[in-house]
Amino acid sequence: MAKLKFTPEEKAQIVHKIKVYFEEELDQTIGTFEAEFLIEFFGEQVGAYFYNQGLNDAQALIAQKIGEIGDSIYELERPTDFNK
């Protein structure tokens, strides 16, 4: 898995969300450095779990869509004298 890379705008938004969460939910104030450190920590230590779940979800969706396409193709078949 490649290291997560965010644009400066994305990183600023994530940092803001972390800082707001700490303030509202934990009644603690953290600085930008601490929030950036948390982003790196979670990206390195926990990110793979979320990444893998995303891949599993995508794979399940693709399998479902392929099944739907197979069903659609089957519906297009015309009756013949041959049995499959």
C-alpha atoms as a PDB file:
ATOM      1  CA  MET A   1       0.000   0.000   0.000  1.00  0.00           C
ATOM      2  CA  ALA A   2       1.375   3.372  -0.986  1.00  0.00           C
ATOM      3  CA  LYS A   3       1.708   6.040   1.657  1.00  0.00           C
ATOM      4  CA  LEU A   4      -1.333   8.290   1.860  1.00  0.00           C
ATOM      5  CA  LYS A   5      -0.804  11.664   0.256  1.00  0.00           C
ATOM      6  CA  PHE A   6      -3.202  14.553   0.651  1.00  0.00           C
ATOM      7  CA  THR A   7      -3.204  17.920  -1.006  1.00  0.00           C
ATOM      8  CA  PRO A   8      -2.475  20.824   1.331  1.00  0.00           C
ATOM      9  CA  GLU A   9      -6.180  21.715   1.209  1.00  0.00           C
ATOM     10  CA  GLU A  10      -7.261  18.185   2.090  1.00  0.00           C
ATOM     11  CA  LYS A  11      -4.744  17.985   4.920  1.00  0.00           C
ATOM     12  CA  ALA A  12      -5.903  21.343   6.298  1.00  0.00           C
ATOM     13  CA  GLN A  13      -9.516  20.141   6.253  1.00  0.00           C
ATOM     14  CA  ILE A  14      -8.623  16.900   8.037  1.00  0.00           C
ATOM     15  CA  VAL A  15      -6.574  18.786  10.626  1.00  0.00           C
ATOM     16  CA  HIS A  16      -9.518  21.118  11.203  1.00  0.00           C
ATOM     17  CA  LYS A  17     -11.895  18.188  11.707  1.00  0.00           C
ATOM     18  CA  ILE A  18      -9.539  16.560  14.221  1.00  0.00           C
ATOM     19  CA  LYS A  19      -9.127  19.780  16.162  1.00  0.00           C
ATOM     20  CA  VAL A  20     -12.898  20.352  16.253  1.00  0.00           C
ATOM     21  CA  TYR A  21     -13.495  16.744  17.355  1.00  0.00           C
ATOM     22  CA  PHE A  22     -11.048  17.074  20.239  1.00  0.00           C
ATOM     23  CA  GLU A  23     -12.608  20.368  21.284  1.00  0.00           C
ATOM     24  CA  GLU A  24     -16.250  19.266  21.073  1.00  0.00           C
ATOM     25  CA  GLU A  25     -16.057  15.618  22.095  1.00  0.00           C
ATOM     26  CA  LEU A  26     -13.073  15.497  24.438  1.00  0.00           C
ATOM     27  CA  ASP A  27     -13.077  19.078  25.689  1.00  0.00           C
ATOM     28  CA  GLN A  28      -9.387  19.354  24.818  1.00  0.00           C
ATOM     29  CA  THR A  29      -7.558  21.780  22.606  1.00  0.00           C
ATOM     30  CA  ILE A  30      -4.816  20.452  20.369  1.00  0.00           C
ATOM     31  CA  GLY A  31      -2.603  22.301  17.956  1.00  0.00           C
ATOM     32  CA  THR A  32      -2.020  21.794  14.275  1.00  0.00           C
ATOM     33  CA  PHE A  33       1.189  19.835  14.891  1.00  0.00           C
ATOM     34  CA  GLU A  34      -0.584  17.375  17.167  1.00  0.00           C
ATOM     35  CA  ALA A  35      -3.437  16.928  14.691  1.00  0.00           C
ATOM     36  CA  GLU A  36      -0.974  16.321  11.845  1.00  0.00           C
ATOM     37  CA  PHE A  37       0.851  13.795  14.026  1.00  0.00           C
ATOM     38  CA  LEU A  38      -2.445  11.963  14.602  1.00  0.00           C
ATOM     39  CA  ILE A  39      -3.096  11.873  10.859  1.00  0.00           C
ATOM     40  CA  GLU A  40       0.304  10.287  10.255  1.00  0.00           C
ATOM     41  CA  PHE A  41      -0.120   7.844  13.143  1.00  0.00           C
ATOM     42  CA  PHE A  42      -3.536   6.643  12.012  1.00  0.00           C
ATOM     43  CA  GLY A  43      -2.418   6.515   8.396  1.00  0.00           C
ATOM     44  CA  GLU A  44       0.563   4.317   9.255  1.00  0.00           C
ATOM     45  CA  GLN A  45      -0.932   2.192  12.036  1.00  0.00           C
ATOM     46  CA  VAL A  46      -4.635   1.911  11.208  1.00  0.00           C
ATOM     47  CA  GLY A  47      -4.974   3.060   7.609  1.00  0.00           C
ATOM     48  CA  ALA A  48      -4.378  -0.398   6.146  1.00  0.00           C
ATOM     49  CA  TYR A  49      -7.476  -1.736   7.912  1.00  0.00           C
ATOM     50  CA  PHE A  50      -9.673   0.931   6.343  1.00  0.00           C
ATOM     51  CA  TYR A  51      -7.916   0.533   2.997  1.00  0.00           C
ATOM     52  CA  ASN A  52      -8.434  -3.228   2.986  1.00  0.00           C
ATOM     53  CA  GLN A  53     -12.089  -2.845   3.952  1.00  0.00           C
ATOM     54  CA  GLY A  54     -12.521  -0.413   1.073  1.00  0.00           C
ATOM     55  CA  LEU A  55     -10.982  -2.940  -1.299  1.00  0.00           C
ATOM     56  CA  ASN A  56     -13.277  -5.688   0.035  1.00  0.00           C
ATOM     57  CA  ASP A  57     -16.304  -3.434  -0.395  1.00  0.00           C
ATOM     58  CA  ALA A  58     -15.250  -2.564  -3.950  1.00  0.00           C
ATOM     59  CA  GLN A  59     -14.664  -6.219  -4.796  1.00  0.00           C
ATOM     60  CA  ALA A  60     -18.096  -7.198  -3.444  1.00  0.00           C
ATOM     61  CA  LEU A  61     -19.759  -4.416  -5.444  1.00  0.00           C
ATOM     62  CA  ILE A  62     -17.969  -5.454  -8.638  1.00  0.00           C
ATOM     63  CA  ALA A  63     -18.978  -9.097  -8.094  1.00  0.00           C
ATOM     64  CA  GLN A  64     -22.586  -8.000  -7.576  1.00  0.00           C
ATOM     65  CA  LYS A  65     -22.554  -5.881 -10.745  1.00  0.00           C
ATOM     66  CA  ILE A  66     -20.970  -8.692 -12.769  1.00  0.00           C
ATOM     67  CA  GLY A  67     -23.749 -10.993 -11.541  1.00  0.00           C
ATOM     68  CA  GLU A  68     -26.342  -8.434 -12.625  1.00  0.00           C
ATOM     69  CA  ILE A  69     -24.711  -8.175 -16.058  1.00  0.00           C
ATOM     70  CA  GLY A  70     -24.719 -11.973 -16.348  1.00  0.00           C
ATOM     71  CA  ASP A  71     -28.419 -12.026 -15.481  1.00  0.00           C
ATOM     72  CA  SER A  72     -29.115  -9.301 -18.056  1.00  0.00           C
ATOM     73  CA  ILE A  73     -27.270 -11.248 -20.738  1.00  0.00           C
ATOM     74  CA  TYR A  74     -29.176 -14.409 -19.826  1.00  0.00           C
ATOM     75  CA  GLU A  75     -32.465 -12.502 -20.233  1.00  0.00           C
ATOM     76  CA  LEU A  76     -31.424 -11.611 -23.802  1.00  0.00           C
ATOM     77  CA  GLU A  77     -31.101 -15.258 -24.846  1.00  0.00           C
ATOM     78  CA  ARG A  78     -33.598 -16.538 -27.352  1.00  0.00           C
ATOM     79  CA  PRO A  79     -35.143 -19.988 -27.069  1.00  0.00           C
ATOM     80  CA  THR A  80     -33.584 -22.671 -29.263  1.00  0.00           C
ATOM     81  CA  ASP A  81     -33.865 -26.398 -29.684  1.00  0.00           C
ATOM     82  CA  PHE A  82     -30.503 -26.871 -27.944  1.00  0.00           C
ATOM     83  CA  ASN A  83     -30.246 -27.486 -24.213  1.00  0.00           C
ATOM     84  CA  LYS A  84     -27.354 -25.990 -22.275  1.00  0.00           C
END
